[in-house]
Full PDB file with SEQRES, HELIX, SHEET, SSBOND, CRYST1, ORIGX, SCALE, CONECT and MASTER records, all heavy atoms in Angstrom:
SEQRES   1 A   32  LYS GLY VAL LEU MET ARG LEU ARG ARG ALA GLY CYS HIS          
SEQRES   2 A   32  ASP VAL LEU ILE GLU GLY GLY ALA ALA LEU ALA GLU SER          
SEQRES   3 A   32  TRP LEU GLU ALA GLY LEU                                      
HELIX    1 AA1 GLY A    2  ARG A    9  1                                   8    
HELIX    2 AA2 ALA A   21  GLU A   29  1                                   9    
CRYST1    1.000    1.000    1.000  90.00  90.00  90.00 P 1           1          
ORIGX1      1.000000  0.000000  0.000000        0.00000                         
ORIGX2      0.000000  1.000000  0.000000        0.00000                         
ORIGX3      0.000000  0.000000  1.000000        0.00000                         
SCALE1      1.000000  0.000000  0.000000        0.00000                         
SCALE2      0.000000  1.000000  0.000000        0.00000                         
SCALE3      0.000000  0.000000  1.000000        0.00000                         
ATOM      1  N   LYS A   1       1.206 -68.954   1.251  1.00  0.00           N  
ATOM      2  CA  LYS A   1       0.967 -70.171   0.479  1.00  0.00           C  
ATOM      3  C   LYS A   1      -0.493 -70.262   0.056  1.00  0.00           C  
ATOM      4  O   LYS A   1      -0.802 -70.677  -1.064  1.00  0.00           O  
ATOM      5  CB  LYS A   1       1.353 -71.410   1.285  1.00  0.00           C  
ATOM      6  CG  LYS A   1       1.259 -72.702   0.478  1.00  0.00           C  
ATOM      7  CD  LYS A   1       1.765 -73.897   1.262  1.00  0.00           C  
ATOM      8  CE  LYS A   1       1.683 -75.170   0.405  1.00  0.00           C  
ATOM      9  NZ  LYS A   1       2.168 -76.357   1.150  1.00  0.00           N  
ATOM     10  N   GLY A   2      -1.413 -69.874   0.956  1.00  0.00           N  
ATOM     11  CA  GLY A   2      -2.832 -69.901   0.605  1.00  0.00           C  
ATOM     12  C   GLY A   2      -3.140 -68.982  -0.566  1.00  0.00           C  
ATOM     13  O   GLY A   2      -3.880 -69.344  -1.482  1.00  0.00           O  
ATOM     14  N   VAL A   3      -2.554 -67.778  -0.557  1.00  0.00           N  
ATOM     15  CA  VAL A   3      -2.755 -66.835  -1.660  1.00  0.00           C  
ATOM     16  C   VAL A   3      -2.191 -67.401  -2.957  1.00  0.00           C  
ATOM     17  O   VAL A   3      -2.822 -67.334  -4.023  1.00  0.00           O  
ATOM     18  CB  VAL A   3      -2.102 -65.475  -1.341  1.00  0.00           C  
ATOM     19  CG1 VAL A   3      -2.170 -64.547  -2.551  1.00  0.00           C  
ATOM     20  CG2 VAL A   3      -2.779 -64.825  -0.144  1.00  0.00           C  
ATOM     21  N   LEU A   4      -0.983 -67.973  -2.874  1.00  0.00           N  
ATOM     22  CA  LEU A   4      -0.331 -68.489  -4.073  1.00  0.00           C  
ATOM     23  C   LEU A   4      -1.116 -69.634  -4.690  1.00  0.00           C  
ATOM     24  O   LEU A   4      -1.231 -69.739  -5.918  1.00  0.00           O  
ATOM     25  CB  LEU A   4       1.095 -68.928  -3.738  1.00  0.00           C  
ATOM     26  CG  LEU A   4       2.034 -69.139  -4.922  1.00  0.00           C  
ATOM     27  CD1 LEU A   4       2.132 -67.878  -5.766  1.00  0.00           C  
ATOM     28  CD2 LEU A   4       3.409 -69.554  -4.445  1.00  0.00           C  
ATOM     29  N   MET A   5      -1.680 -70.512  -3.846  1.00  0.00           N  
ATOM     30  CA  MET A   5      -2.472 -71.615  -4.380  1.00  0.00           C  
ATOM     31  C   MET A   5      -3.764 -71.128  -5.026  1.00  0.00           C  
ATOM     32  O   MET A   5      -4.215 -71.684  -6.025  1.00  0.00           O  
ATOM     33  CB  MET A   5      -2.769 -72.635  -3.272  1.00  0.00           C  
ATOM     34  CG  MET A   5      -1.538 -73.397  -2.769  1.00  0.00           C  
ATOM     35  SD  MET A   5      -0.630 -74.289  -4.081  1.00  0.00           S  
ATOM     36  CE  MET A   5       0.734 -73.158  -4.392  1.00  0.00           C  
ATOM     37  N   ARG A   6      -4.372 -70.092  -4.449  1.00  0.00           N  
ATOM     38  CA  ARG A   6      -5.565 -69.521  -5.086  1.00  0.00           C  
ATOM     39  C   ARG A   6      -5.210 -68.875  -6.423  1.00  0.00           C  
ATOM     40  O   ARG A   6      -5.980 -68.952  -7.390  1.00  0.00           O  
ATOM     41  CB  ARG A   6      -6.205 -68.488  -4.155  1.00  0.00           C  
ATOM     42  CG  ARG A   6      -6.951 -69.091  -2.965  1.00  0.00           C  
ATOM     43  CD  ARG A   6      -8.126 -69.963  -3.399  1.00  0.00           C  
ATOM     44  NE  ARG A   6      -9.176 -69.239  -4.062  1.00  0.00           N  
ATOM     45  CZ  ARG A   6     -10.266 -68.752  -3.468  1.00  0.00           C  
ATOM     46  NH1 ARG A   6     -10.430 -68.914  -2.159  1.00  0.00           N  
ATOM     47  NH2 ARG A   6     -11.187 -68.120  -4.157  1.00  0.00           N  
ATOM     48  N   LEU A   7      -4.044 -68.253  -6.489  1.00  0.00           N  
ATOM     49  CA  LEU A   7      -3.611 -67.663  -7.756  1.00  0.00           C  
ATOM     50  C   LEU A   7      -3.348 -68.742  -8.798  1.00  0.00           C  
ATOM     51  O   LEU A   7      -3.642 -68.548  -9.987  1.00  0.00           O  
ATOM     52  CB  LEU A   7      -2.348 -66.822  -7.526  1.00  0.00           C  
ATOM     53  CG  LEU A   7      -2.584 -65.507  -6.788  1.00  0.00           C  
ATOM     54  CD1 LEU A   7      -1.258 -64.869  -6.381  1.00  0.00           C  
ATOM     55  CD2 LEU A   7      -3.391 -64.543  -7.649  1.00  0.00           C  
ATOM     56  N   ARG A   8      -2.821 -69.876  -8.356  1.00  0.00           N  
ATOM     57  CA  ARG A   8      -2.628 -70.980  -9.300  1.00  0.00           C  
ATOM     58  C   ARG A   8      -3.974 -71.442  -9.846  1.00  0.00           C  
ATOM     59  O   ARG A   8      -4.129 -71.666 -11.046  1.00  0.00           O  
ATOM     60  CB  ARG A   8      -1.905 -72.143  -8.632  1.00  0.00           C  
ATOM     61  CG  ARG A   8      -1.708 -73.307  -9.598  1.00  0.00           C  
ATOM     62  CD  ARG A   8      -1.233 -74.574  -8.950  1.00  0.00           C  
ATOM     63  NE  ARG A   8      -1.209 -75.641  -9.946  1.00  0.00           N  
ATOM     64  CZ  ARG A   8      -0.861 -76.879  -9.690  1.00  0.00           C  
ATOM     65  NH1 ARG A   8      -0.501 -77.233  -8.477  1.00  0.00           N  
ATOM     66  NH2 ARG A   8      -0.871 -77.792 -10.640  1.00  0.00           N  
ATOM     67  N   ARG A   9      -4.960 -71.587  -8.974  1.00  0.00           N  
ATOM     68  CA  ARG A   9      -6.292 -72.010  -9.408  1.00  0.00           C  
ATOM     69  C   ARG A   9      -6.917 -70.997 -10.356  1.00  0.00           C  
ATOM     70  O   ARG A   9      -7.740 -71.346 -11.201  1.00  0.00           O  
ATOM     71  CB  ARG A   9      -7.189 -72.224  -8.192  1.00  0.00           C  
ATOM     72  CG  ARG A   9      -6.895 -73.532  -7.456  1.00  0.00           C  
ATOM     73  CD  ARG A   9      -7.441 -73.542  -6.059  1.00  0.00           C  
ATOM     74  NE  ARG A   9      -8.860 -73.194  -5.976  1.00  0.00           N  
ATOM     75  CZ  ARG A   9      -9.499 -72.979  -4.838  1.00  0.00           C  
ATOM     76  NH1 ARG A   9      -8.842 -73.070  -3.680  1.00  0.00           N  
ATOM     77  NH2 ARG A   9     -10.781 -72.685  -4.838  1.00  0.00           N  
ATOM     78  N   ALA A  10      -6.505 -69.734 -10.220  1.00  0.00           N  
ATOM     79  CA  ALA A  10      -7.014 -68.684 -11.102  1.00  0.00           C  
ATOM     80  C   ALA A  10      -6.268 -68.651 -12.432  1.00  0.00           C  
ATOM     81  O   ALA A  10      -6.545 -67.793 -13.280  1.00  0.00           O  
ATOM     82  CB  ALA A  10      -6.899 -67.328 -10.409  1.00  0.00           C  
ATOM     83  N   GLY A  11      -5.310 -69.580 -12.622  1.00  0.00           N  
ATOM     84  CA  GLY A  11      -4.589 -69.661 -13.890  1.00  0.00           C  
ATOM     85  C   GLY A  11      -3.360 -68.782 -13.974  1.00  0.00           C  
ATOM     86  O   GLY A  11      -2.813 -68.582 -15.064  1.00  0.00           O  
ATOM     87  N   CYS A  12      -2.892 -68.250 -12.848  1.00  0.00           N  
ATOM     88  CA  CYS A  12      -1.713 -67.382 -12.846  1.00  0.00           C  
ATOM     89  C   CYS A  12      -0.430 -68.219 -12.832  1.00  0.00           C  
ATOM     90  O   CYS A  12      -0.325 -69.186 -12.084  1.00  0.00           O  
ATOM     91  CB  CYS A  12      -1.732 -66.461 -11.634  1.00  0.00           C  
ATOM     92  SG  CYS A  12      -3.127 -65.296 -11.628  1.00  0.00           S  
ATOM     93  N   HIS A  13       0.527 -67.807 -13.642  1.00  0.00           N  
ATOM     94  CA  HIS A  13       1.825 -68.484 -13.704  1.00  0.00           C  
ATOM     95  C   HIS A  13       2.946 -67.630 -13.128  1.00  0.00           C  
ATOM     96  O   HIS A  13       3.890 -68.156 -12.565  1.00  0.00           O  
ATOM     97  CB  HIS A  13       2.174 -68.831 -15.155  1.00  0.00           C  
ATOM     98  CG  HIS A  13       1.245 -69.808 -15.775  1.00  0.00           C  
ATOM     99  ND1 HIS A  13       1.052 -69.892 -17.139  1.00  0.00           N  
ATOM    100  CD2 HIS A  13       0.431 -70.745 -15.236  1.00  0.00           C  
ATOM    101  CE1 HIS A  13       0.167 -70.845 -17.406  1.00  0.00           C  
ATOM    102  NE2 HIS A  13      -0.219 -71.368 -16.271  1.00  0.00           N  
ATOM    103  N   ASP A  14       2.860 -66.303 -13.303  1.00  0.00           N  
ATOM    104  CA  ASP A  14       3.883 -65.388 -12.809  1.00  0.00           C  
ATOM    105  C   ASP A  14       3.246 -64.385 -11.865  1.00  0.00           C  
ATOM    106  O   ASP A  14       2.306 -63.682 -12.237  1.00  0.00           O  
ATOM    107  CB  ASP A  14       4.562 -64.644 -13.966  1.00  0.00           C  
ATOM    108  CG  ASP A  14       5.758 -65.411 -14.513  1.00  0.00           C  
ATOM    109  OD1 ASP A  14       6.786 -65.464 -13.816  1.00  0.00           O  
ATOM    110  OD2 ASP A  14       5.658 -65.953 -15.628  1.00  0.00           O  
ATOM    111  N   VAL A  15       3.776 -64.311 -10.640  1.00  0.00           N  
ATOM    112  CA  VAL A  15       3.211 -63.459  -9.594  1.00  0.00           C  
ATOM    113  C   VAL A  15       4.270 -62.456  -9.157  1.00  0.00           C  
ATOM    114  O   VAL A  15       5.423 -62.818  -8.908  1.00  0.00           O  
ATOM    115  CB  VAL A  15       2.733 -64.295  -8.387  1.00  0.00           C  
ATOM    116  CG1 VAL A  15       2.248 -63.403  -7.254  1.00  0.00           C  
ATOM    117  CG2 VAL A  15       1.632 -65.248  -8.821  1.00  0.00           C  
ATOM    118  N   LEU A  16       3.875 -61.188  -9.051  1.00  0.00           N  
ATOM    119  CA  LEU A  16       4.768 -60.112  -8.634  1.00  0.00           C  
ATOM    120  C   LEU A  16       4.325 -59.590  -7.272  1.00  0.00           C  
ATOM    121  O   LEU A  16       3.172 -59.206  -7.088  1.00  0.00           O  
ATOM    122  CB  LEU A  16       4.742 -58.978  -9.666  1.00  0.00           C  
ATOM    123  CG  LEU A  16       5.634 -57.772  -9.397  1.00  0.00           C  
ATOM    124  CD1 LEU A  16       7.108 -58.164  -9.472  1.00  0.00           C  
ATOM    125  CD2 LEU A  16       5.339 -56.645 -10.395  1.00  0.00           C  
ATOM    126  N   ILE A  17       5.249 -59.592  -6.296  1.00  0.00           N  
ATOM    127  CA  ILE A  17       4.992 -59.048  -4.972  1.00  0.00           C  
ATOM    128  C   ILE A  17       5.591 -57.645  -4.918  1.00  0.00           C  
ATOM    129  O   ILE A  17       6.777 -57.470  -5.155  1.00  0.00           O  
ATOM    130  CB  ILE A  17       5.624 -59.915  -3.862  1.00  0.00           C  
ATOM    131  CG1 ILE A  17       5.197 -61.386  -4.011  1.00  0.00           C  
ATOM    132  CG2 ILE A  17       5.247 -59.383  -2.480  1.00  0.00           C  
ATOM    133  CD1 ILE A  17       3.729 -61.632  -3.856  1.00  0.00           C  
ATOM    134  N   GLU A  18       4.762 -56.651  -4.613  1.00  0.00           N  
ATOM    135  CA  GLU A  18       5.253 -55.271  -4.616  1.00  0.00           C  
ATOM    136  C   GLU A  18       5.336 -54.644  -3.229  1.00  0.00           C  
ATOM    137  O   GLU A  18       5.742 -53.507  -3.094  1.00  0.00           O  
ATOM    138  CB  GLU A  18       4.383 -54.406  -5.530  1.00  0.00           C  
ATOM    139  CG  GLU A  18       4.635 -54.651  -7.001  1.00  0.00           C  
ATOM    140  CD  GLU A  18       4.347 -53.437  -7.856  1.00  0.00           C  
ATOM    141  OE1 GLU A  18       4.211 -52.329  -7.320  1.00  0.00           O  
ATOM    142  OE2 GLU A  18       4.243 -53.608  -9.076  1.00  0.00           O  
ATOM    143  N   GLY A  19       4.952 -55.310  -2.189  1.00  0.00           N  
ATOM    144  CA  GLY A  19       5.124 -54.710  -0.868  1.00  0.00           C  
ATOM    145  C   GLY A  19       3.859 -54.744  -0.060  1.00  0.00           C  
ATOM    146  O   GLY A  19       2.841 -55.259  -0.515  1.00  0.00           O  
ATOM    147  N   GLY A  20       4.072 -54.260   1.181  1.00  0.00           N  
ATOM    148  CA  GLY A  20       5.247 -53.601   1.741  1.00  0.00           C  
ATOM    149  C   GLY A  20       6.191 -54.573   2.437  1.00  0.00           C  
ATOM    150  O   GLY A  20       6.254 -55.763   2.115  1.00  0.00           O  
ATOM    151  N   ALA A  21       6.885 -54.020   3.457  1.00  0.00           N  
ATOM    152  CA  ALA A  21       7.957 -54.759   4.111  1.00  0.00           C  
ATOM    153  C   ALA A  21       7.451 -56.013   4.802  1.00  0.00           C  
ATOM    154  O   ALA A  21       8.083 -57.076   4.729  1.00  0.00           O  
ATOM    155  CB  ALA A  21       8.657 -53.851   5.115  1.00  0.00           C  
ATOM    156  N   ALA A  22       6.312 -55.916   5.498  1.00  0.00           N  
ATOM    157  CA  ALA A  22       5.772 -57.073   6.223  1.00  0.00           C  
ATOM    158  C   ALA A  22       5.366 -58.181   5.257  1.00  0.00           C  
ATOM    159  O   ALA A  22       5.632 -59.367   5.499  1.00  0.00           O  
ATOM    160  CB  ALA A  22       4.587 -56.658   7.080  1.00  0.00           C  
ATOM    161  N   LEU A  23       4.739 -57.795   4.150  1.00  0.00           N  
ATOM    162  CA  LEU A  23       4.326 -58.799   3.157  1.00  0.00           C  
ATOM    163  C   LEU A  23       5.550 -59.461   2.542  1.00  0.00           C  
ATOM    164  O   LEU A  23       5.611 -60.683   2.403  1.00  0.00           O  
ATOM    165  CB  LEU A  23       3.470 -58.137   2.076  1.00  0.00           C  
ATOM    166  CG  LEU A  23       2.838 -59.092   1.056  1.00  0.00           C  
ATOM    167  CD1 LEU A  23       1.624 -59.785   1.665  1.00  0.00           C  
ATOM    168  CD2 LEU A  23       2.436 -58.351  -0.207  1.00  0.00           C  
ATOM    169  N   ALA A  24       6.544 -58.652   2.176  1.00  0.00           N  
ATOM    170  CA  ALA A  24       7.776 -59.199   1.591  1.00  0.00           C  
ATOM    171  C   ALA A  24       8.437 -60.164   2.553  1.00  0.00           C  
ATOM    172  O   ALA A  24       8.895 -61.249   2.154  1.00  0.00           O  
ATOM    173  CB  ALA A  24       8.728 -58.055   1.232  1.00  0.00           C  
ATOM    174  N   GLU A  25       8.505 -59.798   3.824  1.00  0.00           N  
ATOM    175  CA  GLU A  25       9.140 -60.659   4.811  1.00  0.00           C  
ATOM    176  C   GLU A  25       8.410 -61.989   4.955  1.00  0.00           C  
ATOM    177  O   GLU A  25       9.034 -63.056   5.036  1.00  0.00           O  
ATOM    178  CB  GLU A  25       9.191 -59.949   6.161  1.00  0.00           C  
ATOM    179  CG  GLU A  25       9.958 -60.723   7.224  1.00  0.00           C  
ATOM    180  CD  GLU A  25      10.103 -59.938   8.509  1.00  0.00           C  
ATOM    181  OE1 GLU A  25       9.189 -59.146   8.837  1.00  0.00           O  
ATOM    182  OE2 GLU A  25      11.131 -60.104   9.180  1.00  0.00           O  
ATOM    183  N   SER A  26       7.073 -61.948   4.970  1.00  0.00           N  
ATOM    184  CA  SER A  26       6.311 -63.183   5.151  1.00  0.00           C  
ATOM    185  C   SER A  26       6.476 -64.120   3.963  1.00  0.00           C  
ATOM    186  O   SER A  26       6.591 -65.338   4.144  1.00  0.00           O  
ATOM    187  CB  SER A  26       4.828 -62.864   5.376  1.00  0.00           C  
ATOM    188  OG  SER A  26       4.240 -62.296   4.213  1.00  0.00           O  
ATOM    189  N   TRP A  27       6.543 -63.584   2.745  1.00  0.00           N  
ATOM    190  CA  TRP A  27       6.725 -64.428   1.559  1.00  0.00           C  
ATOM    191  C   TRP A  27       8.144 -64.976   1.494  1.00  0.00           C  
ATOM    192  O   TRP A  27       8.357 -66.117   1.088  1.00  0.00           O  
ATOM    193  CB  TRP A  27       6.370 -63.645   0.292  1.00  0.00           C  
ATOM    194  CG  TRP A  27       4.889 -63.512   0.071  1.00  0.00           C  
ATOM    195  CD1 TRP A  27       4.025 -62.771   0.824  1.00  0.00           C  
ATOM    196  CD2 TRP A  27       4.103 -64.146  -0.933  1.00  0.00           C  
ATOM    197  NE1 TRP A  27       2.739 -62.892   0.334  1.00  0.00           N  
ATOM    198  CE2 TRP A  27       2.759 -63.721  -0.743  1.00  0.00           C  
ATOM    199  CE3 TRP A  27       4.397 -65.011  -1.982  1.00  0.00           C  
ATOM    200  CZ2 TRP A  27       1.723 -64.154  -1.562  1.00  0.00           C  
ATOM    201  CZ3 TRP A  27       3.363 -65.437  -2.807  1.00  0.00           C  
ATOM    202  CH2 TRP A  27       2.042 -65.018  -2.603  1.00  0.00           C  
ATOM    203  N   LEU A  28       9.127 -64.181   1.914  1.00  0.00           N  
ATOM    204  CA  LEU A  28      10.511 -64.664   1.962  1.00  0.00           C  
ATOM    205  C   LEU A  28      10.657 -65.767   2.997  1.00  0.00           C  
ATOM    206  O   LEU A  28      11.266 -66.810   2.739  1.00  0.00           O  
ATOM    207  CB  LEU A  28      11.459 -63.513   2.273  1.00  0.00           C  
ATOM    208  CG  LEU A  28      11.774 -62.554   1.128  1.00  0.00           C  
ATOM    209  CD1 LEU A  28      12.414 -61.277   1.662  1.00  0.00           C  
ATOM    210  CD2 LEU A  28      12.695 -63.215   0.092  1.00  0.00           C  
ATOM    211  N   GLU A  29      10.091 -65.547   4.179  1.00  0.00           N  
ATOM    212  CA  GLU A  29      10.202 -66.550   5.231  1.00  0.00           C  
ATOM    213  C   GLU A  29       9.491 -67.851   4.866  1.00  0.00           C  
ATOM    214  O   GLU A  29       9.903 -68.930   5.293  1.00  0.00           O  
ATOM    215  CB  GLU A  29       9.637 -65.993   6.538  1.00  0.00           C  
ATOM    216  CG  GLU A  29      10.517 -64.923   7.173  1.00  0.00           C  
ATOM    217  CD  GLU A  29       9.958 -64.408   8.475  1.00  0.00           C  
ATOM    218  OE1 GLU A  29       8.771 -64.687   8.767  1.00  0.00           O  
ATOM    219  OE2 GLU A  29      10.705 -63.731   9.211  1.00  0.00           O  
ATOM    220  N   ALA A  30       8.438 -67.752   4.052  1.00  0.00           N  
ATOM    221  CA  ALA A  30       7.718 -68.945   3.609  1.00  0.00           C  
ATOM    222  C   ALA A  30       8.456 -69.687   2.503  1.00  0.00           C  
ATOM    223  O   ALA A  30       8.032 -70.779   2.092  1.00  0.00           O  
ATOM    224  CB  ALA A  30       6.314 -68.558   3.139  1.00  0.00           C  
ATOM    225  N   GLY A  31       9.557 -69.112   2.019  1.00  0.00           N  
ATOM    226  CA  GLY A  31      10.334 -69.760   0.962  1.00  0.00           C  
ATOM    227  C   GLY A  31       9.646 -69.734  -0.387  1.00  0.00           C  
ATOM    228  O   GLY A  31       9.895 -70.609  -1.233  1.00  0.00           O  
ATOM    229  N   LEU A  32       8.817 -68.726  -0.630  1.00  0.00           N  
ATOM    230  CA  LEU A  32       8.021 -68.686  -1.855  1.00  0.00           C  
ATOM    231  C   LEU A  32       8.518 -67.661  -2.865  1.00  0.00           C  
ATOM    232  O   LEU A  32       7.928 -67.524  -3.937  1.00  0.00           O  
ATOM    233  CB  LEU A  32       6.552 -68.392  -1.516  1.00  0.00           C  
ATOM    234  CG  LEU A  32       5.843 -69.452  -0.662  1.00  0.00           C  
ATOM    235  CD1 LEU A  32       4.434 -69.005  -0.320  1.00  0.00           C  
ATOM    236  CD2 LEU A  32       5.825 -70.794  -1.387  1.00  0.00           C  
TER     237      LEU A  32                                                      
MASTER        0    0    0    2    0    0    0    6  236    1    0    3          
END                                                                             
């Protein structure tokens, strides 16, 4: 969530998560 909010402040609208497994799991579990 902290990363996503910083990306919003940077003017990003579409964010692509490419990996790996631990990162994907943490973003899925956060409901993001």
